[in-house]
Amino acid sequence: MSRLIIKVCGMREAENIKEIESLDIDLMGFIFYEKSSRKVSSKPSYLPKRISRVGVFVDAEIKEIISKVKAFDLNYIQLHGKETKEFCQKLFEILSSFEKKVGIIKAISVAEEKDLSLTQNFEPFIDYFLFDTPTLSRGGSGKHFNWEVLKAYKGKTPFLLSGGIGPEDIPLLQCFHHESLVGIDLNSRFETSPGVKNKGLLSDFISQARLNLKRQVK
């Protein structure tokens, strides 16, 4: 079994970024959505060097995305809006011309099995799906969705599980199995305030996750 991917999203403050980078995580997310309480308005004085940087966008123009890729030296783009297949294809083609690989993560809000049909539009152009709880605001809900719905997902693209995963959820995660699950996304349930993560809570959770959870795709 391979290593579980752990992503911590919604980072913004330089000192907090340094703290969380010291933990055993793989991806760190920076939100560039105007309406988010965790929006990165200006470039922090410190950015992670050891782990991959993910830029989170909601219905942004490609020009803006590419600008942030360059300014923040992003490793992944996470699309969290109503982006179309054509948009993703165009972005994929532009990013493919870069010397350094920049992957694409497409977030899909999941309430019912039929929501998973959207994945078919994007599979040729993305590296991971991120399955999340539906919200009206496009922001983090801090709530779970019904993970059992994901049993209907038969796509070939691996996914990260998101949506209100919190410090007490290791037993629930141990009970959830899917051959395409490769990682988890952590955000608001580990915060002291929007955009500021509690290192102690994350450290304890990650230690338990590394002991008890394993990535299910080889």
Protein backbone atom coordinates (compact mmCIF):
# COMPACT_ATOMS: atom_id res chain seq x y z
CA MET A 1 0.00 0.00 0.00
CA SER A 2 1.24 3.49 -0.83
CA ARG A 3 1.49 6.59 1.31
CA LEU A 4 -1.74 8.46 2.08
CA ILE A 5 -1.77 12.00 0.68
CA ILE A 6 -2.57 14.59 3.36
CA LYS A 7 -3.51 18.09 2.19
CA VAL A 8 -3.95 21.03 4.54
CA CYS A 9 -5.90 23.82 2.87
CA GLY A 10 -6.77 27.43 3.62
CA MET A 11 -3.30 28.59 4.68
CA ARG A 12 -2.37 32.26 4.65
CA GLU A 13 -0.14 33.48 7.51
CA ALA A 14 3.65 33.12 7.15
CA GLU A 15 4.41 31.90 10.68
CA ASN A 16 1.53 29.45 10.59
CA ILE A 17 2.71 28.18 7.20
CA LYS A 18 6.14 27.48 8.71
CA GLU A 19 4.55 25.62 11.65
CA ILE A 20 2.33 23.41 9.51
CA GLU A 21 5.04 22.72 6.94
CA SER A 22 7.01 21.01 9.71
CA LEU A 23 4.27 18.35 9.98
CA ASP A 24 4.11 15.17 7.91
CA ILE A 25 1.87 16.52 5.12
CA ASP A 26 2.12 16.43 1.34
CA LEU A 27 0.08 19.35 -0.03
CA MET A 28 -0.67 22.85 1.25
CA GLY A 29 -3.57 24.82 -0.20
CA PHE A 30 -3.84 28.58 -0.79
CA ILE A 31 -7.28 29.98 -1.59
CA PHE A 32 -7.59 32.73 -4.19
CA TYR A 33 -11.37 33.03 -4.12
CA GLU A 34 -12.50 36.58 -3.44
CA LYS A 35 -15.39 35.63 -1.16
CA SER A 36 -13.46 33.21 1.04
CA SER A 37 -12.61 34.20 4.62
CA ARG A 38 -9.29 32.42 3.98
CA LYS A 39 -8.45 34.32 0.80
CA VAL A 40 -4.77 35.04 0.19
CA SER A 41 -4.81 38.76 -0.63
CA SER A 42 -1.05 39.22 -0.83
CA LYS A 43 1.90 36.89 -1.08
CA PRO A 44 2.99 35.69 2.38
CA SER A 45 6.57 36.44 3.38
CA TYR A 46 7.14 32.69 3.66
CA LEU A 47 5.91 29.88 1.41
CA PRO A 48 6.46 26.15 1.88
CA LYS A 49 9.54 24.67 0.24
CA ARG A 50 9.34 21.01 1.29
CA ILE A 51 5.79 20.26 0.21
CA SER A 52 3.66 20.90 -2.88
CA ARG A 53 1.68 24.14 -3.16
CA VAL A 54 -1.94 24.06 -4.35
CA GLY A 55 -3.77 27.15 -5.59
CA VAL A 56 -7.54 27.02 -5.09
CA PHE A 57 -9.69 28.92 -7.63
CA VAL A 58 -13.44 29.37 -8.14
CA ASP A 59 -14.48 30.24 -11.70
CA ALA A 60 -11.33 32.29 -12.23
CA GLU A 61 -10.05 33.33 -15.64
CA ILE A 62 -7.14 31.35 -17.03
CA LYS A 63 -5.01 34.50 -17.12
CA GLU A 64 -5.44 34.92 -13.35
CA ILE A 65 -4.66 31.25 -12.69
CA ILE A 66 -1.45 31.34 -14.72
CA SER A 67 -0.40 34.55 -12.95
CA LYS A 68 -0.77 32.86 -9.56
CA VAL A 69 1.02 29.71 -10.78
CA LYS A 70 4.05 31.85 -11.55
CA ALA A 71 3.87 34.15 -8.52
CA PHE A 72 3.43 31.32 -5.99
CA ASP A 73 5.35 28.60 -7.89
CA LEU A 74 2.29 26.35 -7.64
CA ASN A 75 2.48 22.59 -8.15
CA TYR A 76 -1.27 22.06 -8.50
CA ILE A 77 -4.34 24.04 -9.50
CA GLN A 78 -7.57 23.15 -7.66
CA LEU A 79 -10.72 24.18 -9.51
CA HIS A 80 -13.63 24.59 -7.12
CA GLY A 81 -16.28 26.25 -9.27
CA LYS A 82 -18.47 25.52 -12.29
CA GLU A 83 -15.58 25.13 -14.69
CA THR A 84 -16.47 23.36 -17.94
CA LYS A 85 -14.79 20.50 -19.73
CA GLU A 86 -13.58 22.95 -22.37
CA PHE A 87 -12.09 25.24 -19.73
CA CYS A 88 -10.21 22.36 -18.12
CA GLN A 89 -8.95 21.14 -21.47
CA LYS A 90 -7.62 24.59 -22.36
CA LEU A 91 -5.97 24.99 -18.96
CA PHE A 92 -4.47 21.51 -19.23
CA GLU A 93 -3.00 22.32 -22.64
CA ILE A 94 -1.46 25.57 -21.39
CA LEU A 95 0.00 23.96 -18.28
CA SER A 96 1.38 21.07 -20.35
CA SER A 97 3.63 23.56 -22.14
CA PHE A 98 5.35 24.55 -18.88
CA GLU A 99 8.80 23.18 -18.12
CA LYS A 100 7.67 22.13 -14.62
CA LYS A 101 4.59 19.93 -14.31
CA VAL A 102 1.58 21.65 -12.77
CA GLY A 103 -1.26 19.23 -12.02
CA ILE A 104 -4.99 19.88 -11.87
CA ILE A 105 -7.40 18.90 -9.10
CA LYS A 106 -11.13 19.25 -9.83
CA ALA A 107 -13.47 19.60 -6.87
CA ILE A 108 -16.90 18.00 -7.22
CA SER A 109 -19.71 18.67 -4.74
CA VAL A 110 -21.43 15.38 -3.93
CA ALA A 111 -24.93 15.00 -2.52
CA GLU A 112 -26.31 12.17 -4.67
CA GLU A 113 -24.93 9.47 -6.95
CA LYS A 114 -25.91 11.46 -10.03
CA ASP A 115 -23.40 14.17 -9.04
CA LEU A 116 -20.60 11.72 -9.78
CA SER A 117 -21.54 11.67 -13.47
CA LEU A 118 -19.82 15.06 -13.75
CA THR A 119 -16.46 13.37 -13.33
CA GLN A 120 -16.64 11.90 -16.84
CA ASN A 121 -16.25 15.37 -18.35
CA PHE A 122 -12.92 16.06 -16.67
CA GLU A 123 -11.05 12.76 -16.42
CA PRO A 124 -8.71 13.27 -19.41
CA PHE A 125 -7.39 16.54 -18.04
CA ILE A 126 -6.93 16.16 -14.29
CA ASP A 127 -4.71 14.39 -11.78
CA TYR A 128 -7.19 14.08 -8.90
CA PHE A 129 -10.80 14.70 -8.05
CA LEU A 130 -11.63 16.23 -4.68
CA PHE A 131 -15.06 15.15 -3.45
CA ASP A 132 -16.57 17.75 -1.13
CA THR A 133 -19.77 18.75 0.67
CA PRO A 134 -22.15 20.95 -1.37
CA THR A 135 -22.45 24.55 -0.14
CA LEU A 136 -24.11 27.69 -1.47
CA SER A 137 -21.03 29.80 -0.81
CA ARG A 138 -18.42 27.60 -2.55
CA GLY A 139 -16.47 27.68 0.69
CA GLY A 140 -15.74 25.03 3.26
CA SER A 141 -18.84 23.81 5.04
CA GLY A 142 -17.16 22.12 7.98
CA LYS A 143 -19.66 19.28 7.46
CA HIS A 144 -19.47 15.77 6.09
CA PHE A 145 -21.46 14.54 3.13
CA ASN A 146 -22.63 10.93 2.84
CA TRP A 147 -19.40 9.16 1.89
CA GLU A 148 -21.32 6.00 1.03
CA VAL A 149 -22.50 7.75 -2.15
CA LEU A 150 -18.91 7.48 -3.41
CA LYS A 151 -19.26 3.72 -3.77
CA ALA A 152 -20.95 4.54 -7.08
CA TYR A 153 -17.78 6.22 -8.37
CA LYS A 154 -16.19 3.91 -10.96
CA GLY A 155 -13.80 6.35 -12.63
CA LYS A 156 -10.10 5.72 -13.16
CA THR A 157 -8.96 9.04 -11.68
CA PRO A 158 -7.97 8.85 -7.98
CA PHE A 159 -9.62 11.17 -5.48
CA LEU A 160 -9.07 13.10 -2.25
CA LEU A 161 -11.81 13.06 0.36
CA SER A 162 -12.87 16.45 1.73
CA GLY A 163 -15.79 18.00 3.58
CA GLY A 164 -15.57 18.71 7.29
CA ILE A 165 -13.01 16.06 8.25
CA GLY A 166 -12.12 16.77 11.87
CA PRO A 167 -9.87 15.64 14.74
CA GLU A 168 -12.30 12.92 15.86
CA ASP A 169 -12.80 11.31 12.44
CA ILE A 170 -10.07 8.65 12.31
CA PRO A 171 -12.55 5.83 13.18
CA LEU A 172 -14.92 6.97 10.43
CA LEU A 173 -12.10 7.13 7.91
CA GLN A 174 -10.96 3.65 8.90
CA CYS A 175 -14.43 2.36 8.03
CA PHE A 176 -14.53 4.02 4.61
CA HIS A 177 -12.94 2.07 1.75
CA HIS A 178 -12.69 2.83 -1.93
CA GLU A 179 -10.05 1.64 -4.38
CA SER A 180 -9.61 5.15 -5.80
CA LEU A 181 -9.23 6.96 -2.46
CA VAL A 182 -5.67 8.32 -2.24
CA GLY A 183 -5.82 11.13 0.28
CA ILE A 184 -7.70 13.49 2.57
CA ASP A 185 -8.17 17.25 2.66
CA LEU A 186 -8.14 19.08 6.02
CA ASN A 187 -9.23 22.65 6.68
CA SER A 188 -11.72 24.43 8.94
CA ARG A 189 -12.08 21.78 11.67
CA PHE A 190 -8.41 22.33 12.61
CA GLU A 191 -8.52 26.11 12.86
CA THR A 192 -8.29 28.61 15.71
CA SER A 193 -9.61 31.28 13.30
CA PRO A 194 -10.18 31.39 9.53
CA GLY A 195 -6.84 30.77 7.81
CA VAL A 196 -4.96 29.89 11.02
CA LYS A 197 -4.40 26.20 11.79
CA ASN A 198 -3.90 24.63 15.22
CA LYS A 199 -0.59 22.80 14.94
CA GLY A 200 -1.28 20.57 17.95
CA LEU A 201 -4.63 19.35 16.62
CA LEU A 202 -3.17 18.69 13.18
CA SER A 203 -0.08 16.97 14.58
CA ASP A 204 -2.12 14.55 16.68
CA PHE A 205 -4.52 13.79 13.82
CA ILE A 206 -1.75 13.26 11.28
CA SER A 207 0.12 10.90 13.62
CA GLN A 208 -3.04 8.82 14.01
CA ALA A 209 -3.73 8.96 10.28
CA ARG A 210 -0.25 7.72 9.41
CA LEU A 211 -0.67 4.81 11.83
CA ASN A 212 -4.22 3.84 10.96
CA LEU A 213 -4.98 4.92 7.41
CA LYS A 214 -3.37 3.86 4.17
CA ARG A 215 -3.75 5.00 0.59
CA GLN A 216 -5.81 2.42 -1.26
CA VAL A 217 -4.46 2.86 -4.78
CA LYS A 218 -1.09 1.29 -5.61
